[in-house]
Amino acid sequence: MNKKWFAAYGWLYRPTSWQGAVLVLVTMIFCMEAFVAVDANSHSASDTLFGVFPFVVPAFLLLNWIAEKASK
C-alpha cells in the first residue's frame, strides 16, 4: 500500500505510478489554464509573466513538495 508515486531524478522527481502522472498532468493543465486566462487580459509579455507567476510558482512548489513526500 506504500507504493512510491515519484522517484528522485537529480534535483527533480519523475512520476513512477499512475497517481504521480495524474498529479503532474493536473498541475500542467492548471498552469496552462492560468496562462490562457492571464494572457487574455494582458497587454504585454511582462504583464503575462507577472500575472502568471503567482499561480505557476506555488503550483510547482506544491507539486515538488508532494513529490518529495511521496518518494520516500
PDB file of N, CA and C in Angstrom:
ATOM      1  N   MET A   1       0.818  -1.196   0.000  1.00  0.00           N
ATOM      2  CA  MET A   1       0.000   0.000   0.000  1.00  0.00           C
ATOM      3  C   MET A   1       0.859   1.256   0.000  1.00  0.00           C
ATOM      4  N   ASN A   2       2.136   1.137   0.341  1.00  0.00           N
ATOM      5  CA  ASN A   2       3.022   2.294   0.378  1.00  0.00           C
ATOM      6  C   ASN A   2       3.853   2.397  -0.896  1.00  0.00           C
ATOM      7  N   LYS A   3       3.202   2.331  -2.043  1.00  0.00           N
ATOM      8  CA  LYS A   3       3.914   2.427  -3.307  1.00  0.00           C
ATOM      9  C   LYS A   3       4.367   3.865  -3.527  1.00  0.00           C
ATOM     10  N   LYS A   4       5.576   4.024  -4.026  1.00  0.00           N
ATOM     11  CA  LYS A   4       6.108   5.355  -4.289  1.00  0.00           C
ATOM     12  C   LYS A   4       5.469   5.932  -5.547  1.00  0.00           C
ATOM     13  N   TRP A   5       5.012   7.179  -5.460  1.00  0.00           N
ATOM     14  CA  TRP A   5       4.422   7.855  -6.607  1.00  0.00           C
ATOM     15  C   TRP A   5       5.487   8.500  -7.480  1.00  0.00           C
ATOM     16  N   PHE A   6       6.621   8.894  -6.872  1.00  0.00           N
ATOM     17  CA  PHE A   6       7.689   9.594  -7.575  1.00  0.00           C
ATOM     18  C   PHE A   6       9.028   8.975  -7.224  1.00  0.00           C
ATOM     19  N   ALA A   7      10.005   9.207  -8.107  1.00  0.00           N
ATOM     20  CA  ALA A   7      11.380   8.795  -7.851  1.00  0.00           C
ATOM     21  C   ALA A   7      12.279  10.002  -8.098  1.00  0.00           C
ATOM     22  N   ALA A   8      13.312  10.120  -7.278  1.00  0.00           N
ATOM     23  CA  ALA A   8      14.244  11.238  -7.433  1.00  0.00           C
ATOM     24  C   ALA A   8      14.981  11.088  -8.752  1.00  0.00           C
ATOM     25  N   TYR A   9      15.138  12.208  -9.450  1.00  0.00           N
ATOM     26  CA  TYR A   9      15.833  12.254 -10.736  1.00  0.00           C
ATOM     27  C   TYR A   9      16.691  13.508 -10.729  1.00  0.00           C
ATOM     28  N   GLY A  10      17.831  13.424 -10.066  1.00  0.00           N
ATOM     29  CA  GLY A  10      18.651  14.617  -9.857  1.00  0.00           C
ATOM     30  C   GLY A  10      17.981  15.511  -8.832  1.00  0.00           C
ATOM     31  N   TRP A  11      17.750  16.765  -9.190  1.00  0.00           N
ATOM     32  CA  TRP A  11      17.046  17.690  -8.302  1.00  0.00           C
ATOM     33  C   TRP A  11      15.536  17.600  -8.462  1.00  0.00           C
ATOM     34  N   LEU A  12      15.086  16.918  -9.478  1.00  0.00           N
ATOM     35  CA  LEU A  12      13.663  16.824  -9.781  1.00  0.00           C
ATOM     36  C   LEU A  12      13.123  15.462  -9.373  1.00  0.00           C
ATOM     37  N   TYR A  13      11.842  15.277  -9.604  1.00  0.00           N
ATOM     38  CA  TYR A  13      11.194  13.997  -9.339  1.00  0.00           C
ATOM     39  C   TYR A  13      10.403  13.610 -10.575  1.00  0.00           C
ATOM     40  N   ARG A  14      10.423  12.321 -10.884  1.00  0.00           N
ATOM     41  CA  ARG A  14       9.639  11.840 -12.021  1.00  0.00           C
ATOM     42  C   ARG A  14       8.583  10.876 -11.503  1.00  0.00           C
ATOM     43  N   PRO A  15       7.409  10.894 -12.121  1.00  0.00           N
ATOM     44  CA  PRO A  15       6.346  10.000 -11.647  1.00  0.00           C
ATOM     45  C   PRO A  15       6.670   8.544 -11.968  1.00  0.00           C
ATOM     46  N   THR A  16       6.377   7.678 -11.035  1.00  0.00           N
ATOM     47  CA  THR A  16       6.596   6.241 -11.230  1.00  0.00           C
ATOM     48  C   THR A  16       5.307   5.442 -11.111  1.00  0.00           C
ATOM     49  N   SER A  17       4.200   6.112 -10.879  1.00  0.00           N
ATOM     50  CA  SER A  17       2.909   5.427 -10.811  1.00  0.00           C
ATOM     51  C   SER A  17       1.869   6.296 -11.508  1.00  0.00           C
ATOM     52  N   TRP A  18       0.701   5.725 -11.687  1.00  0.00           N
ATOM     53  CA  TRP A  18      -0.341   6.489 -12.375  1.00  0.00           C
ATOM     54  C   TRP A  18      -0.808   7.660 -11.520  1.00  0.00           C
ATOM     55  N   GLN A  19      -0.742   7.543 -10.209  1.00  0.00           N
ATOM     56  CA  GLN A  19      -1.148   8.643  -9.343  1.00  0.00           C
ATOM     57  C   GLN A  19      -0.211   9.840  -9.518  1.00  0.00           C
ATOM     58  N   GLY A  20       1.077   9.581  -9.611  1.00  0.00           N
ATOM     59  CA  GLY A  20       2.032  10.655  -9.837  1.00  0.00           C
ATOM     60  C   GLY A  20       1.860  11.294 -11.197  1.00  0.00           C
ATOM     61  N   ALA A  21       1.596  10.482 -12.212  1.00  0.00           N
ATOM     62  CA  ALA A  21       1.388  11.006 -13.561  1.00  0.00           C
ATOM     63  C   ALA A  21       0.133  11.884 -13.619  1.00  0.00           C
ATOM     64  N   VAL A  22      -0.917  11.466 -12.939  1.00  0.00           N
ATOM     65  CA  VAL A  22      -2.147  12.268 -12.907  1.00  0.00           C
ATOM     66  C   VAL A  22      -1.902  13.586 -12.177  1.00  0.00           C
ATOM     67  N   LEU A  23      -1.140  13.540 -11.120  1.00  0.00           N
ATOM     68  CA  LEU A  23      -0.828  14.759 -10.377  1.00  0.00           C
ATOM     69  C   LEU A  23      -0.037  15.745 -11.230  1.00  0.00           C
ATOM     70  N   VAL A  24       0.942  15.250 -11.973  1.00  0.00           N
ATOM     71  CA  VAL A  24       1.715  16.113 -12.876  1.00  0.00           C
ATOM     72  C   VAL A  24       0.815  16.669 -13.976  1.00  0.00           C
ATOM     73  N   LEU A  25      -0.045  15.844 -14.528  1.00  0.00           N
ATOM     74  CA  LEU A  25      -0.954  16.279 -15.586  1.00  0.00           C
ATOM     75  C   LEU A  25      -1.918  17.351 -15.086  1.00  0.00           C
ATOM     76  N   VAL A  26      -2.477  17.176 -13.906  1.00  0.00           N
ATOM     77  CA  VAL A  26      -3.397  18.169 -13.333  1.00  0.00           C
ATOM     78  C   VAL A  26      -2.678  19.497 -13.094  1.00  0.00           C
ATOM     79  N   THR A  27      -1.439  19.432 -12.623  1.00  0.00           N
ATOM     80  CA  THR A  27      -0.662  20.647 -12.399  1.00  0.00           C
ATOM     81  C   THR A  27      -0.384  21.364 -13.715  1.00  0.00           C
ATOM     82  N   MET A  28      -0.025  20.616 -14.746  1.00  0.00           N
ATOM     83  CA  MET A  28       0.245  21.227 -16.054  1.00  0.00           C
ATOM     84  C   MET A  28      -1.021  21.851 -16.646  1.00  0.00           C
ATOM     85  N   ILE A  29      -2.145  21.184 -16.516  1.00  0.00           N
ATOM     86  CA  ILE A  29      -3.406  21.737 -17.027  1.00  0.00           C
ATOM     87  C   ILE A  29      -3.765  23.008 -16.281  1.00  0.00           C
ATOM     88  N   PHE A  30      -3.586  23.012 -14.958  1.00  0.00           N
ATOM     89  CA  PHE A  30      -3.852  24.216 -14.179  1.00  0.00           C
ATOM     90  C   PHE A  30      -2.978  25.376 -14.643  1.00  0.00           C
ATOM     91  N   CYS A  31      -1.689  25.104 -14.869  1.00  0.00           N
ATOM     92  CA  CYS A  31      -0.773  26.167 -15.302  1.00  0.00           C
ATOM     93  C   CYS A  31      -1.133  26.682 -16.693  1.00  0.00           C
ATOM     94  N   MET A  32      -1.536  25.800 -17.587  1.00  0.00           N
ATOM     95  CA  MET A  32      -1.952  26.243 -18.926  1.00  0.00           C
ATOM     96  C   MET A  32      -3.218  27.087 -18.862  1.00  0.00           C
ATOM     97  N   GLU A  33      -4.164  26.673 -18.042  1.00  0.00           N
ATOM     98  CA  GLU A  33      -5.396  27.448 -17.891  1.00  0.00           C
ATOM     99  C   GLU A  33      -5.119  28.816 -17.282  1.00  0.00           C
ATOM    100  N   ALA A  34      -4.241  28.873 -16.307  1.00  0.00           N
ATOM    101  CA  ALA A  34      -3.870  30.153 -15.708  1.00  0.00           C
ATOM    102  C   ALA A  34      -3.194  31.043 -16.741  1.00  0.00           C
ATOM    103  N   PHE A  35      -2.322  30.473 -17.565  1.00  0.00           N
ATOM    104  CA  PHE A  35      -1.648  31.252 -18.604  1.00  0.00           C
ATOM    105  C   PHE A  35      -2.649  31.824 -19.601  1.00  0.00           C
ATOM    106  N   VAL A  36      -3.582  31.001 -20.052  1.00  0.00           N
ATOM    107  CA  VAL A  36      -4.572  31.460 -21.031  1.00  0.00           C
ATOM    108  C   VAL A  36      -5.448  32.557 -20.437  1.00  0.00           C
ATOM    109  N   ALA A  37      -5.871  32.399 -19.195  1.00  0.00           N
ATOM    110  CA  ALA A  37      -6.724  33.399 -18.549  1.00  0.00           C
ATOM    111  C   ALA A  37      -5.984  34.713 -18.341  1.00  0.00           C
ATOM    112  N   VAL A  38      -4.741  34.649 -17.917  1.00  0.00           N
ATOM    113  CA  VAL A  38      -3.962  35.868 -17.673  1.00  0.00           C
ATOM    114  C   VAL A  38      -3.595  36.524 -18.994  1.00  0.00           C
ATOM    115  N   ASP A  39      -3.213  35.724 -19.981  1.00  0.00           N
ATOM    116  CA  ASP A  39      -2.780  36.266 -21.265  1.00  0.00           C
ATOM    117  C   ASP A  39      -3.914  36.961 -22.007  1.00  0.00           C
ATOM    118  N   ALA A  40      -5.138  36.549 -21.771  1.00  0.00           N
ATOM    119  CA  ALA A  40      -6.273  37.182 -22.444  1.00  0.00           C
ATOM    120  C   ALA A  40      -6.469  38.627 -21.997  1.00  0.00           C
ATOM    121  N   ASN A  41      -6.029  38.956 -20.796  1.00  0.00           N
ATOM    122  CA  ASN A  41      -6.232  40.303 -20.270  1.00  0.00           C
ATOM    123  C   ASN A  41      -4.954  41.117 -20.165  1.00  0.00           C
ATOM    124  N   SER A  42      -3.831  40.599 -20.649  1.00  0.00           N
ATOM    125  CA  SER A  42      -2.575  41.339 -20.522  1.00  0.00           C
ATOM    126  C   SER A  42      -2.270  42.102 -21.800  1.00  0.00           C
ATOM    127  N   HIS A  43      -1.441  43.123 -21.658  1.00  0.00           N
ATOM    128  CA  HIS A  43      -1.109  43.994 -22.783  1.00  0.00           C
ATOM    129  C   HIS A  43       0.304  43.785 -23.288  1.00  0.00           C
ATOM    130  N   SER A  44       1.119  43.060 -22.550  1.00  0.00           N
ATOM    131  CA  SER A  44       2.496  42.825 -22.972  1.00  0.00           C
ATOM    132  C   SER A  44       2.985  41.510 -22.385  1.00  0.00           C
ATOM    133  N   ALA A  45       4.175  41.115 -22.824  1.00  0.00           N
ATOM    134  CA  ALA A  45       4.747  39.870 -22.317  1.00  0.00           C
ATOM    135  C   ALA A  45       5.052  39.968 -20.829  1.00  0.00           C
ATOM    136  N   SER A  46       5.473  41.141 -20.380  1.00  0.00           N
ATOM    137  CA  SER A  46       5.776  41.286 -18.951  1.00  0.00           C
ATOM    138  C   SER A  46       4.497  41.241 -18.118  1.00  0.00           C
ATOM    139  N   ASP A  47       3.395  41.758 -18.652  1.00  0.00           N
ATOM    140  CA  ASP A  47       2.115  41.622 -17.952  1.00  0.00           C
ATOM    141  C   ASP A  47       1.746  40.149 -17.766  1.00  0.00           C
ATOM    142  N   THR A  48       1.958  39.373 -18.820  1.00  0.00           N
ATOM    143  CA  THR A  48       1.654  37.949 -18.747  1.00  0.00           C
ATOM    144  C   THR A  48       2.559  37.263 -17.731  1.00  0.00           C
ATOM    145  N   LEU A  49       3.852  37.569 -17.770  1.00  0.00           N
ATOM    146  CA  LEU A  49       4.795  36.947 -16.833  1.00  0.00           C
ATOM    147  C   LEU A  49       4.444  37.276 -15.390  1.00  0.00           C
ATOM    148  N   PHE A  50       4.193  38.556 -15.123  1.00  0.00           N
ATOM    149  CA  PHE A  50       3.857  38.951 -13.750  1.00  0.00           C
ATOM    150  C   PHE A  50       2.494  38.421 -13.324  1.00  0.00           C
ATOM    151  N   GLY A  51       1.586  38.237 -14.261  1.00  0.00           N
ATOM    152  CA  GLY A  51       0.266  37.718 -13.922  1.00  0.00           C
ATOM    153  C   GLY A  51       0.246  36.220 -13.683  1.00  0.00           C
ATOM    154  N   VAL A  52       1.087  35.485 -14.402  1.00  0.00           N
ATOM    155  CA  VAL A  52       1.116  34.020 -14.295  1.00  0.00           C
ATOM    156  C   VAL A  52       1.945  33.577 -13.096  1.00  0.00           C
ATOM    157  N   PHE A  53       2.955  34.358 -12.742  1.00  0.00           N
ATOM    158  CA  PHE A  53       3.882  33.994 -11.667  1.00  0.00           C
ATOM    159  C   PHE A  53       3.186  33.576 -10.371  1.00  0.00           C
ATOM    160  N   PRO A  54       2.186  34.320  -9.871  1.00  0.00           N
ATOM    161  CA  PRO A  54       1.567  33.921  -8.593  1.00  0.00           C
ATOM    162  C   PRO A  54       0.783  32.602  -8.655  1.00  0.00           C
ATOM    163  N   PHE A  55       0.501  32.108  -9.853  1.00  0.00           N
ATOM    164  CA  PHE A  55      -0.217  30.845  -9.978  1.00  0.00           C
ATOM    165  C   PHE A  55       0.727  29.681 -10.241  1.00  0.00           C
ATOM    166  N   VAL A  56       1.691  29.893 -11.127  1.00  0.00           N
ATOM    167  CA  VAL A  56       2.557  28.803 -11.575  1.00  0.00           C
ATOM    168  C   VAL A  56       3.576  28.409 -10.507  1.00  0.00           C
ATOM    169  N   VAL A  57       4.199  29.364  -9.884  1.00  0.00           N
ATOM    170  CA  VAL A  57       5.241  29.048  -8.895  1.00  0.00           C
ATOM    171  C   VAL A  57       4.674  28.268  -7.706  1.00  0.00           C
ATOM    172  N   PRO A  58       3.575  28.700  -7.080  1.00  0.00           N
ATOM    173  CA  PRO A  58       3.033  27.879  -5.982  1.00  0.00           C
ATOM    174  C   PRO A  58       2.558  26.497  -6.436  1.00  0.00           C
ATOM    175  N   ALA A  59       2.043  26.394  -7.666  1.00  0.00           N
ATOM    176  CA  ALA A  59       1.594  25.091  -8.161  1.00  0.00           C
ATOM    177  C   ALA A  59       2.765  24.124  -8.259  1.00  0.00           C
ATOM    178  N   PHE A  60       3.900  24.589  -8.811  1.00  0.00           N
ATOM    179  CA  PHE A  60       5.055  23.710  -8.929  1.00  0.00           C
ATOM    180  C   PHE A  60       5.743  23.469  -7.595  1.00  0.00           C
ATOM    181  N   LEU A  61       5.703  24.430  -6.699  1.00  0.00           N
ATOM    182  CA  LEU A  61       6.244  24.205  -5.359  1.00  0.00           C
ATOM    183  C   LEU A  61       5.427  23.144  -4.623  1.00  0.00           C
ATOM    184  N   LEU A  62       4.106  23.214  -4.751  1.00  0.00           N
ATOM    185  CA  LEU A  62       3.245  22.206  -4.136  1.00  0.00           C
ATOM    186  C   LEU A  62       3.490  20.837  -4.755  1.00  0.00           C
ATOM    187  N   LEU A  63       3.618  20.783  -6.081  1.00  0.00           N
ATOM    188  CA  LEU A  63       3.915  19.513  -6.748  1.00  0.00           C
ATOM    189  C   LEU A  63       5.253  18.953  -6.282  1.00  0.00           C
ATOM    190  N   ASN A  64       6.256  19.796  -6.154  1.00  0.00           N
ATOM    191  CA  ASN A  64       7.571  19.353  -5.688  1.00  0.00           C
ATOM    192  C   ASN A  64       7.500  18.847  -4.243  1.00  0.00           C
ATOM    193  N   TRP A  65       6.745  19.527  -3.402  1.00  0.00           N
ATOM    194  CA  TRP A  65       6.605  19.104  -2.009  1.00  0.00           C
ATOM    195  C   TRP A  65       5.912  17.738  -1.928  1.00  0.00           C
ATOM    196  N   ILE A  66       4.840  17.575  -2.704  1.00  0.00           N
ATOM    197  CA  ILE A  66       4.130  16.291  -2.702  1.00  0.00           C
ATOM    198  C   ILE A  66       5.032  15.189  -3.251  1.00  0.00           C
ATOM    199  N   ALA A  67       5.772  15.502  -4.325  1.00  0.00           N
ATOM    200  CA  ALA A  67       6.671  14.514  -4.912  1.00  0.00           C
ATOM    201  C   ALA A  67       7.760  14.102  -3.933  1.00  0.00           C
ATOM    202  N   GLU A  68       8.277  15.078  -3.174  1.00  0.00           N
ATOM    203  CA  GLU A  68       9.298  14.749  -2.173  1.00  0.00           C
ATOM    204  C   GLU A  68       8.744  13.831  -1.103  1.00  0.00           C
ATOM    205  N   LYS A  69       7.533  14.100  -0.636  1.00  0.00           N
ATOM    206  CA  LYS A  69       6.930  13.280   0.419  1.00  0.00           C
ATOM    207  C   LYS A  69       6.512  11.910  -0.111  1.00  0.00           C
ATOM    208  N   ALA A  70       6.101  11.845  -1.378  1.00  0.00           N
ATOM    209  CA  ALA A  70       5.617  10.575  -1.938  1.00  0.00           C
ATOM    210  C   ALA A  70       6.724   9.742  -2.555  1.00  0.00           C
ATOM    211  N   SER A  71       7.967  10.187  -2.438  1.00  0.00           N
ATOM    212  CA  SER A  71       9.077   9.399  -2.984  1.00  0.00           C
ATOM    213  C   SER A  71       9.850   8.648  -1.914  1.00  0.00           C
ATOM    214  N   LYS A  72       9.447   8.791  -0.667  1.00  0.00           N
ATOM    215  CA  LYS A  72      10.167   8.139   0.431  1.00  0.00           C
ATOM    216  C   LYS A  72       9.462   6.880   0.882  1.00  0.00           C
TER     217      LYS A  72
END
